[in-house]
């Protein structure tokens, strides 16, 4: 594919939503751009601020937490799968406010305990614990907050 045409296509791809380097590299390979041309397009996208991993990590953390109600463990795992640097992961995680995080966890626990209350409080708490763990919340945080439910 012609360099300018490929660059324009990737600029639109990155402008539509934040992308990580791995996603852009995969997209370039899909449209049959290889070698030096691929690296030059990546460099141009970074230089022109179409591609920014720190911004991507922040956006990813905000989105997965606020929209999907994921916990920090699951978000961290997702960022590592996308090969995001430790520095960018740390910056991204600062987007999650502690108060909001605990509030979301409490809401998840409350909703699950209510849903399973007919099974008895202990079993309902167990189900809520397992669900919160599957959403990526930290075990110690879940246990600490489960104590408040009677």
C-alpha atoms as a PDB file:
ATOM      1  CA  UNK A   1       0.000   0.000   0.000  1.00  0.00           C
ATOM      2  CA  UNK A   2       1.203   3.493  -0.803  1.00  0.00           C
ATOM      3  CA  UNK A   3       2.828   5.249   2.207  1.00  0.00           C
ATOM      4  CA  UNK A   4       0.625   8.385   2.263  1.00  0.00           C
ATOM      5  CA  UNK A   5      -2.556   6.362   1.815  1.00  0.00           C
ATOM      6  CA  UNK A   6      -1.587   3.992   4.657  1.00  0.00           C
ATOM      7  CA  UNK A   7      -0.636   6.905   6.922  1.00  0.00           C
ATOM      8  CA  UNK A   8      -3.974   8.636   6.278  1.00  0.00           C
ATOM      9  CA  UNK A   9      -5.879   5.420   6.959  1.00  0.00           C
ATOM     10  CA  UNK A  10      -4.050   4.933  10.289  1.00  0.00           C
ATOM     11  CA  UNK A  11      -4.561   8.568  11.270  1.00  0.00           C
ATOM     12  CA  UNK A  12      -8.308   8.050  10.917  1.00  0.00           C
ATOM     13  CA  UNK A  13      -8.045   4.744  12.794  1.00  0.00           C
ATOM     14  CA  UNK A  14      -6.247   6.447  15.715  1.00  0.00           C
ATOM     15  CA  UNK A  15      -8.442   9.569  15.673  1.00  0.00           C
ATOM     16  CA  UNK A  16     -11.613   7.491  16.043  1.00  0.00           C
ATOM     17  CA  UNK A  17     -10.487   6.222  19.465  1.00  0.00           C
ATOM     18  CA  UNK A  18      -7.260   5.918  21.436  1.00  0.00           C
ATOM     19  CA  UNK A  19      -5.135   2.992  20.283  1.00  0.00           C
ATOM     20  CA  UNK A  20      -2.084   1.272  21.716  1.00  0.00           C
ATOM     21  CA  UNK A  21       1.062   0.548  19.704  1.00  0.00           C
ATOM     22  CA  UNK A  22       0.206  -3.145  19.429  1.00  0.00           C
ATOM     23  CA  UNK A  23      -3.244  -2.453  17.895  1.00  0.00           C
ATOM     24  CA  UNK A  24      -1.758  -0.043  15.336  1.00  0.00           C
ATOM     25  CA  UNK A  25       1.073  -2.425  14.461  1.00  0.00           C
ATOM     26  CA  UNK A  26      -1.473  -5.230  13.945  1.00  0.00           C
ATOM     27  CA  UNK A  27      -3.632  -2.963  11.769  1.00  0.00           C
ATOM     28  CA  UNK A  28      -0.617  -2.041   9.625  1.00  0.00           C
ATOM     29  CA  UNK A  29       0.245  -5.705   9.148  1.00  0.00           C
ATOM     30  CA  UNK A  30      -3.399  -6.400   8.218  1.00  0.00           C
ATOM     31  CA  UNK A  31      -3.244  -3.819   5.438  1.00  0.00           C
ATOM     32  CA  UNK A  32       0.056  -5.325   4.269  1.00  0.00           C
ATOM     33  CA  UNK A  33       2.472  -2.617   5.442  1.00  0.00           C
ATOM     34  CA  UNK A  34       5.803  -4.083   6.587  1.00  0.00           C
ATOM     35  CA  UNK A  35       9.389  -3.227   7.536  1.00  0.00           C
ATOM     36  CA  UNK A  36      10.717   0.307   7.376  1.00  0.00           C
ATOM     37  CA  UNK A  37       7.445   1.661   6.007  1.00  0.00           C
ATOM     38  CA  UNK A  38       5.610   0.275   9.072  1.00  0.00           C
ATOM     39  CA  UNK A  39       8.156   1.790  11.461  1.00  0.00           C
ATOM     40  CA  UNK A  40       8.047   5.153   9.666  1.00  0.00           C
ATOM     41  CA  UNK A  41       4.239   5.280   9.897  1.00  0.00           C
ATOM     42  CA  UNK A  42       4.424   4.392  13.613  1.00  0.00           C
ATOM     43  CA  UNK A  43       6.971   7.185  14.124  1.00  0.00           C
ATOM     44  CA  UNK A  44       4.813   9.697  12.238  1.00  0.00           C
ATOM     45  CA  UNK A  45       1.724   8.746  14.266  1.00  0.00           C
ATOM     46  CA  UNK A  46       3.615   9.188  17.546  1.00  0.00           C
ATOM     47  CA  UNK A  47       5.191  12.479  16.426  1.00  0.00           C
ATOM     48  CA  UNK A  48       1.817  13.898  15.354  1.00  0.00           C
ATOM     49  CA  UNK A  49       0.216  12.690  18.623  1.00  0.00           C
ATOM     50  CA  UNK A  50      -2.218  10.276  16.978  1.00  0.00           C
ATOM     51  CA  UNK A  51      -0.588   7.525  19.014  1.00  0.00           C
ATOM     52  CA  UNK A  52       0.163   8.051  22.704  1.00  0.00           C
ATOM     53  CA  UNK A  53       0.427   5.072  25.066  1.00  0.00           C
ATOM     54  CA  UNK A  54       0.072   7.114  28.254  1.00  0.00           C
ATOM     55  CA  UNK A  55      -3.141   8.676  26.973  1.00  0.00           C
ATOM     56  CA  UNK A  56      -4.312   5.217  25.855  1.00  0.00           C
ATOM     57  CA  UNK A  57      -3.630   3.705  29.310  1.00  0.00           C
ATOM     58  CA  UNK A  58      -5.543   6.506  31.038  1.00  0.00           C
ATOM     59  CA  UNK A  59      -8.474   6.153  28.657  1.00  0.00           C
ATOM     60  CA  UNK A  60      -8.471   2.344  29.018  1.00  0.00           C
ATOM     61  CA  UNK A  61      -8.467   2.520  32.826  1.00  0.00           C
ATOM     62  CA  UNK A  62     -11.247   5.114  32.948  1.00  0.00           C
ATOM     63  CA  UNK A  63     -13.380   3.263  30.435  1.00  0.00           C
ATOM     64  CA  UNK A  64     -13.049  -0.237  31.838  1.00  0.00           C
ATOM     65  CA  UNK A  65     -13.672   0.987  35.373  1.00  0.00           C
ATOM     66  CA  UNK A  66     -16.555   3.384  34.738  1.00  0.00           C
ATOM     67  CA  UNK A  67     -18.337   1.534  31.942  1.00  0.00           C
ATOM     68  CA  UNK A  68     -17.632  -2.129  32.673  1.00  0.00           C
ATOM     69  CA  UNK A  69     -17.064  -1.800  36.443  1.00  0.00           C
ATOM     70  CA  UNK A  70     -13.782  -3.734  36.259  1.00  0.00           C
ATOM     71  CA  UNK A  71     -11.457  -3.893  39.247  1.00  0.00           C
ATOM     72  CA  UNK A  72      -7.799  -2.895  39.169  1.00  0.00           C
ATOM     73  CA  UNK A  73      -6.515  -6.465  38.776  1.00  0.00           C
ATOM     74  CA  UNK A  74      -8.536  -7.074  35.626  1.00  0.00           C
ATOM     75  CA  UNK A  75      -7.594  -3.666  34.192  1.00  0.00           C
ATOM     76  CA  UNK A  76      -3.920  -4.325  34.928  1.00  0.00           C
ATOM     77  CA  UNK A  77      -4.124  -7.711  33.218  1.00  0.00           C
ATOM     78  CA  UNK A  78      -5.762  -6.138  30.158  1.00  0.00           C
ATOM     79  CA  UNK A  79      -3.069  -3.480  29.872  1.00  0.00           C
ATOM     80  CA  UNK A  80      -0.300  -6.071  30.219  1.00  0.00           C
ATOM     81  CA  UNK A  81      -1.882  -8.138  27.433  1.00  0.00           C
ATOM     82  CA  UNK A  82      -1.662  -5.036  25.230  1.00  0.00           C
ATOM     83  CA  UNK A  83       2.047  -4.733  26.149  1.00  0.00           C
ATOM     84  CA  UNK A  84       1.688  -1.334  27.804  1.00  0.00           C
ATOM     85  CA  UNK A  85       4.771  -0.183  29.758  1.00  0.00           C
ATOM     86  CA  UNK A  86       4.799  -0.233  33.567  1.00  0.00           C
ATOM     87  CA  UNK A  87       5.155   3.566  33.579  1.00  0.00           C
ATOM     88  CA  UNK A  88       2.022   4.041  31.443  1.00  0.00           C
ATOM     89  CA  UNK A  89       0.099   1.481  33.497  1.00  0.00           C
ATOM     90  CA  UNK A  90       0.964   3.384  36.678  1.00  0.00           C
ATOM     91  CA  UNK A  91      -0.151   6.669  35.076  1.00  0.00           C
ATOM     92  CA  UNK A  92      -3.369   5.053  33.851  1.00  0.00           C
ATOM     93  CA  UNK A  93      -4.268   3.646  37.252  1.00  0.00           C
ATOM     94  CA  UNK A  94      -4.160   7.160  38.736  1.00  0.00           C
ATOM     95  CA  UNK A  95      -7.384   7.827  36.802  1.00  0.00           C
ATOM     96  CA  UNK A  96      -9.303   5.622  39.249  1.00  0.00           C
ATOM     97  CA  UNK A  97     -10.247   7.544  42.398  1.00  0.00           C
ATOM     98  CA  UNK A  98     -10.147   5.474  45.619  1.00  0.00           C
ATOM     99  CA  UNK A  99     -13.531   6.689  46.875  1.00  0.00           C
ATOM    100  CA  UNK A 100     -15.231   5.930  43.587  1.00  0.00           C
ATOM    101  CA  UNK A 101     -13.495   2.530  43.445  1.00  0.00           C
ATOM    102  CA  UNK A 102     -14.749   1.514  46.916  1.00  0.00           C
ATOM    103  CA  UNK A 103     -18.217   2.856  46.100  1.00  0.00           C
ATOM    104  CA  UNK A 104     -18.381   0.738  42.948  1.00  0.00           C
ATOM    105  CA  UNK A 105     -17.186  -2.334  44.829  1.00  0.00           C
ATOM    106  CA  UNK A 106     -19.832  -1.784  47.531  1.00  0.00           C
ATOM    107  CA  UNK A 107     -22.498  -1.415  44.861  1.00  0.00           C
ATOM    108  CA  UNK A 108     -21.418  -4.692  43.194  1.00  0.00           C
ATOM    109  CA  UNK A 109     -21.389  -6.518  46.540  1.00  0.00           C
ATOM    110  CA  UNK A 110     -24.761  -5.112  47.582  1.00  0.00           C
ATOM    111  CA  UNK A 111     -26.405  -6.000  44.283  1.00  0.00           C
ATOM    112  CA  UNK A 112     -25.046  -9.564  44.412  1.00  0.00           C
ATOM    113  CA  UNK A 113     -25.967 -10.154  48.041  1.00  0.00           C
ATOM    114  CA  UNK A 114     -29.521  -8.950  47.358  1.00  0.00           C
ATOM    115  CA  UNK A 115     -29.723 -11.190  44.303  1.00  0.00           C
ATOM    116  CA  UNK A 116     -28.722 -14.300  46.294  1.00  0.00           C
ATOM    117  CA  UNK A 117     -30.220 -13.441  49.699  1.00  0.00           C
ATOM    118  CA  UNK A 118     -32.733 -16.304  49.422  1.00  0.00           C
ATOM    119  CA  UNK A 119     -29.789 -18.730  49.739  1.00  0.00           C
ATOM    120  CA  UNK A 120     -28.856 -17.359  53.161  1.00  0.00           C
ATOM    121  CA  UNK A 121     -26.481 -14.554  54.088  1.00  0.00           C
ATOM    122  CA  UNK A 122     -23.290 -16.646  54.178  1.00  0.00           C
ATOM    123  CA  UNK A 123     -23.866 -18.192  50.746  1.00  0.00           C
ATOM    124  CA  UNK A 124     -24.960 -14.832  49.327  1.00  0.00           C
ATOM    125  CA  UNK A 125     -21.736 -13.240  50.623  1.00  0.00           C
ATOM    126  CA  UNK A 126     -19.723 -16.105  49.119  1.00  0.00           C
ATOM    127  CA  UNK A 127     -21.359 -15.605  45.720  1.00  0.00           C
ATOM    128  CA  UNK A 128     -20.798 -11.831  45.931  1.00  0.00           C
ATOM    129  CA  UNK A 129     -17.120 -12.434  46.848  1.00  0.00           C
ATOM    130  CA  UNK A 130     -16.594 -14.739  43.878  1.00  0.00           C
ATOM    131  CA  UNK A 131     -18.315 -12.341  41.508  1.00  0.00           C
ATOM    132  CA  UNK A 132     -16.247  -9.362  42.698  1.00  0.00           C
ATOM    133  CA  UNK A 133     -13.078 -11.449  42.304  1.00  0.00           C
ATOM    134  CA  UNK A 134     -14.093 -12.310  38.734  1.00  0.00           C
ATOM    135  CA  UNK A 135     -14.528  -8.576  38.056  1.00  0.00           C
ATOM    136  CA  UNK A 136     -10.902  -8.013  39.116  1.00  0.00           C
ATOM    137  CA  UNK A 137     -11.280  -6.542  42.596  1.00  0.00           C
ATOM    138  CA  UNK A 138      -8.650  -7.285  45.240  1.00  0.00           C
ATOM    139  CA  UNK A 139      -9.471 -10.091  47.703  1.00  0.00           C
ATOM    140  CA  UNK A 140      -8.486  -8.126  50.831  1.00  0.00           C
ATOM    141  CA  UNK A 141     -10.635  -5.176  49.757  1.00  0.00           C
ATOM    142  CA  UNK A 142     -13.627  -7.417  49.089  1.00  0.00           C
ATOM    143  CA  UNK A 143     -13.326  -9.183  52.446  1.00  0.00           C
ATOM    144  CA  UNK A 144     -12.878  -5.902  54.304  1.00  0.00           C
ATOM    145  CA  UNK A 145     -16.059  -4.510  52.760  1.00  0.00           C
ATOM    146  CA  UNK A 146     -18.115  -7.715  53.027  1.00  0.00           C
ATOM    147  CA  UNK A 147     -17.954  -7.424  56.840  1.00  0.00           C
ATOM    148  CA  UNK A 148     -20.339  -4.460  56.667  1.00  0.00           C
ATOM    149  CA  UNK A 149     -23.165  -6.522  55.166  1.00  0.00           C
ATOM    150  CA  UNK A 150     -25.612  -8.126  57.636  1.00  0.00           C
END
